Protein backbone atom coordinates (compact mmCIF):
# COMPACT_ATOMS: atom_id res chain seq x y z
CA MET A 1 -11.17 -25.92 -26.49
CA GLY A 2 -13.35 -22.82 -26.10
CA THR A 3 -11.88 -19.35 -25.76
CA GLN A 4 -12.93 -19.02 -22.14
CA GLN A 5 -11.39 -22.37 -21.31
CA ILE A 6 -8.07 -21.34 -22.89
CA VAL A 7 -7.91 -18.26 -20.66
CA LEU A 8 -8.95 -20.09 -17.49
CA GLU A 9 -6.53 -22.93 -18.09
CA TYR A 10 -3.69 -20.49 -18.68
CA LEU A 11 -4.45 -18.66 -15.43
CA ASP A 12 -4.64 -21.93 -13.50
CA ASP A 13 -1.29 -23.02 -14.92
CA HIS A 14 0.33 -19.73 -13.87
CA ASP A 15 -1.41 -19.27 -10.52
CA GLU A 16 1.75 -20.00 -8.53
CA LYS A 17 3.80 -17.44 -10.47
CA LEU A 18 1.13 -14.74 -10.17
CA SER A 19 0.82 -15.36 -6.44
CA TYR A 20 4.60 -15.05 -6.13
CA LEU A 21 4.59 -11.68 -7.92
CA ALA A 22 1.78 -10.37 -5.71
CA ARG A 23 3.62 -11.51 -2.58
CA GLU A 24 6.84 -9.84 -3.75
CA ILE A 25 5.11 -6.50 -4.26
CA TRP A 26 3.41 -6.88 -0.87
CA GLU A 27 6.81 -7.43 0.72
CA HIS A 28 8.28 -4.35 -1.02
CA PRO A 29 5.63 -1.61 -0.61
CA GLU A 30 6.47 1.68 -2.33
CA ILE A 31 4.50 4.93 -2.21
CA ALA A 32 3.47 7.01 -5.21
CA LEU A 33 6.19 7.68 -7.80
CA GLU A 34 8.70 5.55 -5.89
CA GLU A 35 7.51 2.14 -7.15
CA ARG A 36 10.82 1.11 -8.70
CA PHE A 37 10.76 -2.47 -7.47
CA ALA A 38 7.16 -3.17 -8.50
CA CYS A 39 7.53 -1.40 -11.84
CA GLY A 40 10.69 -3.30 -12.69
CA LEU A 41 9.25 -6.63 -11.58
CA LEU A 42 6.10 -6.32 -13.70
CA ALA A 43 7.81 -4.80 -16.74
CA ASP A 44 10.49 -7.50 -16.74
CA GLU A 45 7.86 -10.22 -16.42
CA LEU A 46 5.89 -8.92 -19.40
CA GLU A 47 9.04 -8.45 -21.47
CA SER A 48 10.08 -12.04 -20.81
CA ALA A 49 6.60 -13.15 -21.90
CA GLY A 50 7.02 -11.58 -25.34
CA PHE A 51 5.56 -8.12 -24.81
CA THR A 52 7.34 -5.05 -26.16
CA VAL A 53 7.94 -2.76 -23.19
CA GLU A 54 8.37 1.01 -23.26
CA ARG A 55 9.62 2.28 -19.92
CA GLY A 56 9.49 5.75 -18.40
CA VAL A 57 6.43 6.88 -20.37
CA GLY A 58 5.06 10.33 -19.61
CA GLN A 59 8.49 11.20 -18.18
CA LEU A 60 7.61 9.06 -15.15
CA PRO A 61 10.39 6.61 -14.23
CA THR A 62 7.92 4.12 -12.74
CA ALA A 63 5.40 4.13 -15.62
CA PHE A 64 5.53 1.76 -18.58
CA VAL A 65 3.50 0.34 -21.45
CA ALA A 66 3.78 -3.30 -22.56
CA SER A 67 2.29 -4.23 -25.96
CA TYR A 68 1.57 -7.43 -27.87
CA GLY A 69 0.04 -7.86 -31.32
CA SER A 70 -0.75 -5.33 -34.03
CA GLY A 71 -3.65 -3.44 -35.51
CA LYS A 72 -7.16 -2.93 -34.23
CA PRO A 73 -8.83 -3.32 -31.86
CA ILE A 74 -6.42 -1.96 -29.27
CA ILE A 75 -7.43 -3.07 -25.79
CA GLY A 76 -5.79 -1.57 -22.72
CA ILE A 77 -5.55 -3.20 -19.29
CA LEU A 78 -4.56 -0.90 -16.44
CA GLY A 79 -2.22 -2.07 -13.71
CA GLU A 80 -1.44 -0.17 -10.50
CA TYR A 81 1.11 -1.00 -7.83
CA ASP A 82 1.62 1.93 -5.45
CA ALA A 83 1.28 1.49 -1.69
CA LEU A 84 -0.14 3.84 0.93
CA PRO A 85 1.87 5.67 3.60
CA GLY A 86 1.56 4.46 7.18
CA LEU A 87 -0.02 1.07 6.38
CA SER A 88 2.94 -1.25 6.85
CA GLN A 89 1.59 -4.72 7.62
CA ARG A 90 2.70 -8.33 7.91
CA LEU A 91 0.54 -11.11 6.47
CA SER A 92 -1.81 -11.17 9.43
CA ALA A 93 -5.45 -10.54 10.24
CA GLU A 94 -4.30 -8.43 13.19
CA ARG A 95 -2.66 -5.00 12.96
CA ASP A 96 1.03 -5.90 12.86
CA PRO A 97 3.27 -3.41 11.04
CA VAL A 98 6.63 -4.49 9.67
CA GLU A 99 7.88 -0.93 10.05
CA GLN A 100 6.03 1.50 12.30
CA GLY A 101 4.78 4.32 10.09
CA GLY A 102 6.07 2.63 6.94
CA PRO A 103 4.09 2.13 3.71
CA GLY A 104 1.87 -0.85 2.99
CA HIS A 105 -0.70 -2.23 0.58
CA GLY A 106 -3.90 -1.36 2.41
CA CYS A 107 -5.72 -0.92 -0.91
CA GLY A 108 -4.66 -4.18 -2.54
CA HIS A 109 -2.53 -2.73 -5.31
CA ASN A 110 -0.09 -5.62 -4.95
CA LEU A 111 -2.96 -7.75 -6.29
CA LEU A 112 -4.24 -5.17 -8.78
CA GLY A 113 -1.12 -4.84 -10.90
CA VAL A 114 -0.41 -8.57 -10.89
CA ALA A 115 -3.93 -9.73 -11.78
CA SER A 116 -4.02 -7.22 -14.64
CA LEU A 117 -0.71 -8.68 -15.81
CA GLY A 118 -2.24 -12.15 -15.62
CA ALA A 119 -5.19 -11.00 -17.73
CA ALA A 120 -2.89 -9.46 -20.34
CA ARG A 121 -0.78 -12.60 -20.58
CA ALA A 122 -3.84 -14.85 -20.78
CA LEU A 123 -5.25 -12.74 -23.62
CA LYS A 124 -1.91 -12.95 -25.41
CA GLU A 125 -2.09 -16.74 -25.12
CA LEU A 126 -5.62 -16.72 -26.53
CA MET A 127 -4.70 -14.41 -29.43
CA ALA A 128 -1.70 -16.57 -30.35
CA LYS A 129 -3.61 -19.86 -30.22
CA GLU A 130 -6.72 -18.64 -32.02
CA GLY A 131 -5.07 -16.26 -34.47
CA ILE A 132 -7.08 -13.32 -33.14
CA PRO A 133 -5.97 -9.96 -34.60
CA GLY A 134 -5.50 -6.82 -32.55
CA THR A 135 -3.29 -5.34 -29.87
CA ILE A 136 -3.30 -5.90 -26.14
CA ARG A 137 -1.58 -3.32 -23.96
CA TYR A 138 -0.72 -3.40 -20.30
CA TYR A 139 -0.37 0.06 -18.75
CA GLY A 140 1.91 0.20 -15.74
CA CYS A 141 0.35 3.12 -13.87
CA PRO A 142 2.17 4.60 -10.87
CA ALA A 143 0.79 6.96 -8.23
CA GLU A 144 -2.88 6.01 -8.46
CA GLU A 145 -3.45 7.05 -4.86
CA THR A 146 -2.33 10.63 -5.59
CA LEU A 147 -3.95 10.85 -9.07
CA VAL A 148 -0.64 11.84 -10.62
CA GLY A 149 0.36 8.81 -12.71
CA LYS A 150 -2.38 8.52 -15.31
CA THR A 151 -2.59 12.32 -15.60
CA PHE A 152 0.96 12.54 -16.96
CA MET A 153 0.49 9.39 -19.05
CA ALA A 154 -2.65 10.84 -20.64
CA LYS A 155 -0.82 14.10 -21.31
CA ALA A 156 1.82 12.07 -23.14
CA GLY A 157 -0.93 10.57 -25.33
CA VAL A 158 -0.40 6.93 -24.45
CA PHE A 159 -4.15 6.24 -24.20
CA ASP A 160 -5.20 8.16 -27.33
CA ASP A 161 -5.63 5.25 -29.76
CA LEU A 162 -7.34 2.80 -27.40
CA ASP A 163 -10.63 1.22 -28.42
CA ALA A 164 -11.36 0.15 -24.85
CA ALA A 165 -9.68 0.17 -21.46
CA LEU A 166 -10.31 -2.22 -18.60
CA ALA A 167 -9.39 -1.99 -14.95
CA TRP A 168 -10.32 -3.74 -11.74
CA HIS A 169 -9.88 -3.28 -8.01
CA PRO A 170 -9.77 -5.70 -5.08
CA GLY A 171 -13.00 -5.82 -3.11
CA ASP A 172 -15.32 -8.02 -1.10
CA ILE A 173 -17.52 -9.00 -4.07
CA ASN A 174 -16.86 -10.14 -7.63
CA ALA A 175 -18.87 -7.93 -9.95
CA VAL A 176 -18.70 -5.70 -13.02
CA TRP A 177 -18.84 -2.00 -12.19
CA SER A 178 -19.41 0.71 -14.78
CA GLY A 179 -20.39 3.66 -12.61
CA SER A 180 -19.01 7.17 -12.74
CA SER A 181 -16.42 8.86 -10.56
CA LEU A 182 -16.12 12.44 -9.38
CA ALA A 183 -13.86 15.15 -10.76
CA MET A 184 -11.26 16.29 -8.25
CA ASN A 185 -8.56 18.82 -7.35
CA SER A 186 -5.77 18.17 -4.86
CA PHE A 187 -3.95 21.21 -3.52
CA LYS A 188 -2.12 22.57 -0.50
CA VAL A 189 -2.24 26.03 1.05
CA ASN A 190 0.96 27.11 2.78
CA PHE A 191 0.55 29.97 5.28
CA TYR A 192 3.49 32.06 6.53
CA GLY A 193 3.39 34.09 9.73
CA VAL A 194 5.80 35.41 12.35
CA SER A 195 7.16 33.27 15.16
CA ALA A 196 7.03 34.55 18.74
CA HIS A 197 6.84 33.20 22.28
CA ALA A 198 3.18 32.45 22.85
CA ALA A 199 3.26 33.63 26.49
CA ALA A 200 5.98 36.30 26.69
CA ASP A 201 5.58 37.94 23.28
CA PRO A 202 2.30 36.88 21.66
CA TYR A 203 1.45 40.35 20.30
CA ASN A 204 4.43 40.22 17.94
CA GLY A 205 3.44 36.83 16.58
CA ARG A 206 1.35 36.10 13.50
CA SER A 207 0.06 32.54 13.63
CA ALA A 208 0.13 30.58 10.40
CA LEU A 209 -1.82 27.85 12.18
CA ASP A 210 -4.61 30.32 13.01
CA ALA A 211 -4.78 31.14 9.31
CA ALA A 212 -5.05 27.47 8.31
CA GLN A 213 -7.78 26.85 10.89
CA LEU A 214 -9.72 29.96 9.89
CA MET A 215 -9.54 28.93 6.26
CA ASP A 216 -10.95 25.53 7.17
CA ILE A 217 -13.78 27.17 9.12
CA GLY A 218 -14.65 29.17 6.02
CA VAL A 219 -14.53 26.06 3.87
CA ASN A 220 -16.81 24.24 6.31
CA TYR A 221 -19.38 27.02 6.02
CA LEU A 222 -19.00 26.81 2.25
CA ARG A 223 -20.29 23.22 2.32
CA GLU A 224 -23.87 24.51 2.64
CA HIS A 225 -23.59 26.35 -0.66
CA VAL A 226 -22.09 23.81 -3.06
CA GLU A 227 -23.60 21.20 -5.36
CA GLN A 228 -24.96 17.99 -3.93
CA ASP A 229 -22.41 15.15 -3.96
CA THR A 230 -19.54 17.60 -3.44
CA ARG A 231 -16.90 16.16 -1.13
CA ILE A 232 -14.23 18.25 0.61
CA HIS A 233 -11.52 16.62 2.74
CA SER A 234 -8.58 18.22 4.50
CA VAL A 235 -5.66 17.51 6.78
CA ILE A 236 -3.26 19.93 8.46
CA GLU A 237 0.15 18.64 7.45
CA ASN A 238 2.17 21.16 9.42
CA GLY A 239 0.80 23.16 12.33
CA GLY A 240 3.85 24.07 14.37
CA GLN A 241 6.26 22.31 16.70
CA ALA A 242 5.27 23.33 20.24
CA PRO A 243 2.23 25.02 21.86
CA ASN A 244 4.28 27.83 23.40
CA VAL A 245 5.64 28.98 20.03
CA VAL A 246 3.44 30.94 17.61
CA PRO A 247 3.67 28.81 14.45
CA PRO A 248 5.41 30.69 11.63
CA GLU A 249 4.37 28.13 9.02
CA ALA A 250 1.35 25.90 8.49
CA THR A 251 0.10 23.77 5.62
CA ILE A 252 -3.40 22.48 4.99
CA TRP A 253 -3.99 19.92 2.23
CA TYR A 254 -7.37 19.62 0.48
CA PHE A 255 -9.16 17.26 -1.85
CA VAL A 256 -12.28 18.74 -3.42
CA ARG A 257 -14.55 16.50 -5.49
CA ALA A 258 -17.75 17.19 -7.43
CA PRO A 259 -19.75 15.50 -10.23
CA LYS A 260 -18.48 17.88 -12.94
CA ARG A 261 -15.10 19.41 -13.67
CA GLU A 262 -16.53 22.93 -13.92
CA GLN A 263 -18.12 22.52 -10.48
CA VAL A 264 -14.77 21.56 -8.98
CA GLU A 265 -13.16 24.63 -10.53
CA ALA A 266 -15.85 26.96 -9.17
CA ILE A 267 -15.61 25.51 -5.65
CA TYR A 268 -11.81 25.60 -5.83
CA GLN A 269 -11.87 29.33 -6.59
CA ARG A 270 -14.15 29.94 -3.61
CA MET A 271 -11.80 27.95 -1.40
CA LEU A 272 -8.94 30.17 -2.56
CA ASP A 273 -11.03 33.15 -1.43
CA CYS A 274 -11.26 31.49 2.00
CA ALA A 275 -7.45 31.30 2.05
CA LYS A 276 -7.17 34.97 1.12
CA GLY A 277 -9.63 35.96 3.85
CA ALA A 278 -7.85 33.86 6.46
CA ALA A 279 -4.53 35.51 5.60
CA LEU A 280 -6.08 38.98 5.88
CA MET A 281 -7.60 38.16 9.27
CA THR A 282 -4.32 36.90 10.71
CA GLY A 283 -1.76 39.18 9.10
CA THR A 284 -0.11 36.27 7.34
CA THR A 285 0.77 35.48 3.76
CA TYR A 286 0.14 32.33 1.77
CA ASP A 287 0.78 30.48 -1.46
CA ILE A 288 -1.03 27.72 -3.30
CA GLU A 289 0.59 24.42 -4.19
CA PHE A 290 -1.60 22.78 -6.82
CA LEU A 291 -0.85 19.05 -6.87
CA THR A 292 -3.14 17.44 -9.42
CA GLY A 293 -6.67 17.30 -10.77
CA CYS A 294 -8.84 15.05 -12.89
CA TYR A 295 -12.08 15.05 -14.83
CA GLU A 296 -15.10 12.98 -13.96
CA LEU A 297 -15.57 9.60 -15.62
């Protein structure tokens, strides 16, 4: 039997089990860094299949590494399993949330982590039958949607000795993709003003929401003066509770992406200048909450 046939036959034989795992993760969606059910399910499955599992890598409770074999080459397969907020959904072609506003797998990560597990187990089967040397590793990667998981795992050095790493993502076509991705920063700006009644006492108020909006206006004008392929996205997370109250607090959350890491850093610094200017214009104060960042690939 050829090597490809061994892998395909193994996957066919385990199709029902893999489908069950994917369905279980779909039924238990968990957002970034809270993927305890999915992490435990996948780690336990790999452990029972003969992999050595190290849990809590990178000081992340929902990250793990499962290894089989020894020596070189060391091949990594990345698995992700976090859900997205607000995308709760039954198995239906129509919008039908299980829990209004709850999390759901709108990006297919219930499939991603499980299919990567299937690939790792199929390769283990091939290595055992054919006596192929080397090491296969499954990386249980949490918080892909927020870019946090692999950042801490890389900092812990778990990828350092890899010879190659493979990943995949659900999509509408079956193809090999080897393109590049953009570098990125994710950060929040929290503005602090003074609350007042917007009709009876507006002159004593200092609107944090005004500051957030003015910052965003500055950032929008900045778009003309940044590198091509730069992408800047924002959402106002907190803008006050009622129109007749001057908002004492406001938060705006940004993603900034560019082809090179140094470009992201330069644009990020200019965006911080926009925050400073907005605070000066509105008589407010602010602080920066840096969430995560990554290099281009």
